[in-house]
């Protein structure tokens, strides 16, 4: 059993379980919007399980199929598989187990969630293959993360609504923007490995311009959500905060200085998702 726990510890560290913070808040705020207040506790718990296992499955798949590329990139050569910290068999077992738990959690939510669970897995898995054939893989990552708010709405109401799709679209462009920023670190390794990205195709300066444009579109989609009767002044404060944090994120990086990309990627975007979630929930339950 110690060996199993050791392997799990290596895998959880490798897939950075804490980065679930990027997508999970959007699933939670979608659940509150769908429930028009507090969702059932049991449903929230199963949404949490589904979110964690879906992301874990996606990251495990990514680490397995990208192992040879990771080994050729100085930024990623220390990951568990290329560094020999764990074998492919153990990672594959984790992938299968996480996927099965995700499907089970979807079944515990409702029938539509269960039927759509293989589709959700296909979407989040496919992202890992897109850099092989398109520079616009950032959009596929955005789509993969957008599964979170749409899926949470399905979990609560057993339907796909326009509101959840608008929130999902905001997530797509948020991810596109900050994934482009992060991809600026890998321009040379991507060229060497014949992998595609917007920074690799257009150069860092133009890519950062695309990232700004994507984040501007995100703000427009967030503003479109004010059609919900549940969202009012606090939500507008939240959108203003998001806009300010995005401006700060872009102020940290330039074509001449990428030294603060990790701060922009991890810290700022974590605050964006958490602060937006907190104020959306507050607006939903405001009496």
Protein backbone atom coordinates (compact mmCIF):
# COMPACT_ATOMS: atom_id res chain seq x y z
CA UNK A 1 0.00 0.00 0.00
CA UNK A 2 2.88 2.37 0.70
CA UNK A 3 4.02 1.87 -2.88
CA UNK A 4 0.56 2.76 -4.18
CA UNK A 5 0.42 5.91 -2.05
CA UNK A 6 3.93 6.85 -3.15
CA UNK A 7 2.95 6.52 -6.80
CA UNK A 8 -0.22 8.52 -6.23
CA UNK A 9 1.82 11.22 -4.53
CA UNK A 10 4.15 11.41 -7.53
CA UNK A 11 1.24 11.56 -9.97
CA UNK A 12 -0.73 14.19 -8.02
CA UNK A 13 2.40 16.32 -7.79
CA UNK A 14 3.10 15.83 -11.48
CA UNK A 15 -0.39 16.81 -12.67
CA UNK A 16 -0.51 19.70 -10.17
CA UNK A 17 -3.83 18.86 -8.57
CA UNK A 18 -3.99 22.36 -7.08
CA UNK A 19 -4.48 23.80 -10.57
CA UNK A 20 -8.04 22.49 -10.49
CA UNK A 21 -8.61 25.99 -9.03
CA UNK A 22 -8.70 27.35 -12.59
CA UNK A 23 -11.80 25.46 -13.74
CA UNK A 24 -13.57 24.43 -10.53
CA UNK A 25 -14.78 27.93 -9.54
CA UNK A 26 -16.54 28.27 -12.91
CA UNK A 27 -18.30 24.95 -12.33
CA UNK A 28 -19.38 26.08 -8.85
CA UNK A 29 -20.69 29.47 -10.00
CA UNK A 30 -22.57 27.76 -12.84
CA UNK A 31 -24.14 25.39 -10.32
CA UNK A 32 -25.34 28.34 -8.19
CA UNK A 33 -26.76 30.08 -11.25
CA UNK A 34 -28.53 26.92 -12.38
CA UNK A 35 -29.96 26.30 -8.91
CA UNK A 36 -30.91 29.98 -8.55
CA UNK A 37 -29.27 29.94 -5.14
CA UNK A 38 -27.71 27.18 -3.08
CA UNK A 39 -27.52 23.85 -4.94
CA UNK A 40 -28.12 20.59 -3.10
CA UNK A 41 -25.06 19.64 -1.08
CA UNK A 42 -24.97 16.14 -2.56
CA UNK A 43 -24.94 17.52 -6.09
CA UNK A 44 -22.15 19.96 -5.24
CA UNK A 45 -20.07 17.10 -3.84
CA UNK A 46 -20.54 14.98 -6.98
CA UNK A 47 -19.71 18.00 -9.14
CA UNK A 48 -16.49 18.36 -7.15
CA UNK A 49 -15.65 14.68 -7.66
CA UNK A 50 -16.43 14.95 -11.36
CA UNK A 51 -14.29 18.06 -11.76
CA UNK A 52 -11.26 16.63 -9.98
CA UNK A 53 -11.39 13.27 -11.75
CA UNK A 54 -12.05 14.78 -15.20
CA UNK A 55 -9.06 17.08 -14.87
CA UNK A 56 -6.93 14.26 -13.42
CA UNK A 57 -7.84 12.03 -16.36
CA UNK A 58 -7.05 14.78 -18.85
CA UNK A 59 -3.70 15.57 -17.25
CA UNK A 60 -2.73 11.90 -17.01
CA UNK A 61 -3.54 11.44 -20.70
CA UNK A 62 -1.49 14.55 -21.50
CA UNK A 63 1.53 13.32 -19.55
CA UNK A 64 1.41 9.90 -21.24
CA UNK A 65 1.03 11.05 -24.85
CA UNK A 66 3.44 13.99 -24.46
CA UNK A 67 6.19 12.15 -22.57
CA UNK A 68 8.68 12.20 -25.46
CA UNK A 69 8.04 15.91 -26.10
CA UNK A 70 8.37 16.69 -22.40
CA UNK A 71 11.73 14.93 -22.35
CA UNK A 72 12.98 17.24 -25.11
CA UNK A 73 11.88 20.46 -23.39
CA UNK A 74 14.07 21.89 -20.59
CA UNK A 75 10.96 23.28 -18.85
CA UNK A 76 9.24 19.88 -18.71
CA UNK A 77 12.04 17.32 -18.69
CA UNK A 78 11.68 16.95 -14.92
CA UNK A 79 8.11 15.64 -15.15
CA UNK A 80 7.52 12.20 -13.72
CA UNK A 81 7.57 10.09 -16.91
CA UNK A 82 10.57 11.61 -18.73
CA UNK A 83 12.48 11.78 -15.44
CA UNK A 84 11.76 8.09 -14.73
CA UNK A 85 10.04 8.76 -11.42
CA UNK A 86 7.12 6.51 -12.41
CA UNK A 87 6.27 4.08 -15.19
CA UNK A 88 3.76 4.42 -18.00
CA UNK A 89 1.79 1.45 -16.62
CA UNK A 90 1.12 3.16 -13.30
CA UNK A 91 0.11 6.36 -15.06
CA UNK A 92 -2.21 4.43 -17.37
CA UNK A 93 -3.83 2.72 -14.38
CA UNK A 94 -4.41 6.12 -12.80
CA UNK A 95 -5.90 7.39 -16.06
CA UNK A 96 -8.35 4.49 -16.28
CA UNK A 97 -9.35 4.75 -12.61
CA UNK A 98 -9.89 8.53 -12.81
CA UNK A 99 -11.97 8.17 -15.96
CA UNK A 100 -14.18 5.49 -14.43
CA UNK A 101 -14.74 7.55 -11.28
CA UNK A 102 -15.64 10.54 -13.45
CA UNK A 103 -18.23 8.53 -15.38
CA UNK A 104 -19.62 7.15 -12.11
CA UNK A 105 -19.89 10.62 -10.59
CA UNK A 106 -21.74 11.82 -13.70
CA UNK A 107 -24.14 8.89 -13.36
CA UNK A 108 -24.78 9.89 -9.74
CA UNK A 109 -25.81 13.37 -10.91
CA UNK A 110 -28.36 12.54 -13.58
CA UNK A 111 -28.96 10.62 -16.79
CA UNK A 112 -27.95 13.41 -19.18
CA UNK A 113 -24.69 13.98 -17.31
CA UNK A 114 -23.96 10.25 -17.58
CA UNK A 115 -24.71 10.18 -21.33
CA UNK A 116 -22.49 13.21 -21.93
CA UNK A 117 -19.58 12.01 -19.75
CA UNK A 118 -17.78 10.14 -22.59
CA UNK A 119 -18.14 13.25 -24.77
CA UNK A 120 -16.58 15.37 -22.02
CA UNK A 121 -13.66 12.94 -21.72
CA UNK A 122 -13.15 12.92 -25.49
CA UNK A 123 -12.98 16.73 -25.52
CA UNK A 124 -10.49 17.00 -22.65
CA UNK A 125 -8.32 14.19 -24.06
CA UNK A 126 -8.28 15.55 -27.61
CA UNK A 127 -6.68 18.83 -26.53
CA UNK A 128 -3.41 17.03 -25.81
CA UNK A 129 -3.12 16.00 -29.47
CA UNK A 130 -3.92 19.35 -31.07
CA UNK A 131 -0.43 20.92 -30.85
CA UNK A 132 0.68 18.29 -33.33
CA UNK A 133 -1.40 19.74 -36.17
CA UNK A 134 -2.67 23.27 -35.35
CA UNK A 135 -1.31 26.50 -33.91
CA UNK A 136 -4.74 27.14 -32.42
CA UNK A 137 -4.59 24.40 -29.79
CA UNK A 138 -5.22 27.13 -27.19
CA UNK A 139 -8.86 27.18 -28.31
CA UNK A 140 -9.14 23.43 -27.75
CA UNK A 141 -7.82 23.90 -24.21
CA UNK A 142 -10.39 26.62 -23.69
CA UNK A 143 -13.11 24.29 -24.93
CA UNK A 144 -11.88 21.55 -22.60
CA UNK A 145 -12.08 23.86 -19.57
CA UNK A 146 -15.44 25.25 -20.72
CA UNK A 147 -16.85 21.77 -20.15
CA UNK A 148 -16.80 22.69 -16.44
CA UNK A 149 -19.54 25.37 -16.32
CA UNK A 150 -21.66 23.68 -18.98
CA UNK A 151 -21.34 20.33 -17.21
CA UNK A 152 -22.23 21.84 -13.83
CA UNK A 153 -25.40 23.32 -15.33
CA UNK A 154 -26.30 19.89 -16.72
CA UNK A 155 -25.64 18.41 -13.27
CA UNK A 156 -28.15 20.74 -11.64
CA UNK A 157 -30.87 21.13 -14.28
CA UNK A 158 -30.26 18.21 -16.65
CA UNK A 159 -30.18 20.57 -19.63
CA UNK A 160 -27.76 22.75 -21.59
CA UNK A 161 -28.80 26.41 -21.43
CA UNK A 162 -27.76 29.51 -23.35
CA UNK A 163 -26.53 31.04 -20.07
CA UNK A 164 -24.17 28.14 -19.43
CA UNK A 165 -22.89 28.36 -23.01
CA UNK A 166 -22.17 32.09 -22.61
CA UNK A 167 -20.27 31.40 -19.39
CA UNK A 168 -18.47 28.58 -21.19
CA UNK A 169 -17.53 30.98 -24.01
CA UNK A 170 -16.07 33.40 -21.46
CA UNK A 171 -13.97 30.53 -20.10
CA UNK A 172 -12.78 29.62 -23.62
CA UNK A 173 -11.39 33.09 -24.28
CA UNK A 174 -9.95 33.39 -20.78
CA UNK A 175 -8.01 30.16 -21.32
CA UNK A 176 -6.98 31.15 -24.83
CA UNK A 177 -5.47 34.36 -23.50
CA UNK A 178 -3.46 33.00 -20.63
CA UNK A 179 -2.45 29.80 -22.44
CA UNK A 180 -0.97 31.92 -25.23
CA UNK A 181 1.02 33.82 -22.60
CA UNK A 182 2.29 30.57 -21.08
CA UNK A 183 3.13 29.12 -24.50
CA UNK A 184 5.54 32.01 -25.06
CA UNK A 185 7.98 30.11 -22.82
CA UNK A 186 8.09 27.17 -25.23
CA UNK A 187 8.65 28.81 -28.61
CA UNK A 188 12.09 27.31 -29.23
CA UNK A 189 11.32 23.80 -27.88
CA UNK A 190 8.10 23.78 -29.93
CA UNK A 191 10.01 24.65 -33.09
CA UNK A 192 12.53 21.90 -32.37
CA UNK A 193 9.81 19.32 -31.70
CA UNK A 194 7.60 20.49 -34.60
CA UNK A 195 4.76 21.41 -32.26
CA UNK A 196 2.41 24.29 -32.98
CA UNK A 197 1.23 27.30 -31.01
CA UNK A 198 0.30 30.90 -31.69
CA UNK A 199 3.62 32.22 -30.25
CA UNK A 200 5.54 29.72 -32.35
CA UNK A 201 3.62 30.70 -35.51
CA UNK A 202 3.37 34.47 -35.12
CA UNK A 203 6.13 35.37 -32.67
CA UNK A 204 5.89 36.43 -29.05
CA UNK A 205 4.96 40.10 -29.58
CA UNK A 206 2.03 39.37 -31.88
CA UNK A 207 0.97 36.42 -29.72
CA UNK A 208 0.71 38.68 -26.67
CA UNK A 209 -1.51 40.96 -28.74
CA UNK A 210 -3.76 37.99 -29.54
CA UNK A 211 -3.86 37.17 -25.82
CA UNK A 212 -5.05 40.70 -25.00
CA UNK A 213 -7.75 40.45 -27.65
CA UNK A 214 -8.92 37.10 -26.29
CA UNK A 215 -9.23 38.53 -22.80
CA UNK A 216 -11.18 41.51 -24.12
CA UNK A 217 -13.64 39.06 -25.69
CA UNK A 218 -13.87 37.23 -22.35
CA UNK A 219 -14.98 40.46 -20.66
CA UNK A 220 -17.67 40.94 -23.32
CA UNK A 221 -19.06 37.47 -22.68
CA UNK A 222 -19.01 38.07 -18.93
CA UNK A 223 -20.95 41.30 -19.43
CA UNK A 224 -23.49 39.39 -21.52
CA UNK A 225 -24.33 37.35 -18.42
CA UNK A 226 -26.03 40.34 -16.80
CA UNK A 227 -29.20 39.15 -18.57
CA UNK A 228 -29.52 36.70 -15.68
CA UNK A 229 -31.94 38.12 -13.08
CA UNK A 230 -29.70 36.62 -10.37
CA UNK A 231 -26.77 38.85 -11.25
CA UNK A 232 -26.64 42.48 -10.26
CA UNK A 233 -24.26 45.07 -8.76
CA UNK A 234 -21.90 42.57 -7.12
CA UNK A 235 -21.48 40.77 -10.42
CA UNK A 236 -20.59 44.02 -12.19
CA UNK A 237 -17.99 44.62 -9.47
CA UNK A 238 -16.67 41.11 -10.15
CA UNK A 239 -16.35 41.78 -13.89
CA UNK A 240 -14.53 45.04 -13.17
CA UNK A 241 -12.16 43.16 -10.86
CA UNK A 242 -11.53 40.53 -13.54
CA UNK A 243 -10.79 43.25 -16.10
CA UNK A 244 -8.33 44.87 -13.67
CA UNK A 245 -6.59 41.59 -12.92
CA UNK A 246 -6.30 40.80 -16.63
CA UNK A 247 -4.75 44.23 -17.22
CA UNK A 248 -2.28 43.49 -14.42
CA UNK A 249 -1.54 40.06 -15.91
CA UNK A 250 -0.62 41.60 -19.24
CA UNK A 251 1.49 44.28 -17.57
CA UNK A 252 3.72 41.54 -16.16
CA UNK A 253 4.87 40.19 -19.52
CA UNK A 254 6.29 41.56 -22.75
CA UNK A 255 8.17 40.28 -25.75
CA UNK A 256 11.37 41.45 -24.08
CA UNK A 257 10.72 40.06 -20.62
CA UNK A 258 8.96 36.76 -19.93
CA UNK A 259 10.44 36.28 -16.46
CA UNK A 260 7.08 36.83 -14.74
CA UNK A 261 5.01 34.50 -16.90
CA UNK A 262 4.54 32.03 -14.05
CA UNK A 263 3.20 34.77 -11.77
CA UNK A 264 0.84 35.91 -14.54
CA UNK A 265 -0.25 32.35 -15.32
CA UNK A 266 -0.73 30.81 -11.88
CA UNK A 267 -1.26 33.56 -9.31
CA UNK A 268 -3.30 36.11 -11.24
CA UNK A 269 -5.57 33.61 -12.95
CA UNK A 270 -6.21 31.81 -9.68
CA UNK A 271 -7.39 35.11 -8.20
CA UNK A 272 -9.55 35.76 -11.26
CA UNK A 273 -11.47 32.50 -10.98
CA UNK A 274 -11.83 32.59 -7.19
CA UNK A 275 -12.90 36.24 -6.92
CA UNK A 276 -15.39 35.88 -9.76
CA UNK A 277 -16.86 32.76 -8.12
CA UNK A 278 -17.16 34.44 -4.72
CA UNK A 279 -19.02 37.48 -6.04
CA UNK A 280 -21.28 35.45 -8.35
CA UNK A 281 -22.29 33.26 -5.41
CA UNK A 282 -22.85 36.35 -3.25
CA UNK A 283 -25.08 37.85 -5.95
CA UNK A 284 -27.02 34.59 -6.35
CA UNK A 285 -27.85 34.34 -2.66
CA UNK A 286 -28.23 38.07 -1.99
CA UNK A 287 -31.44 38.71 -0.09
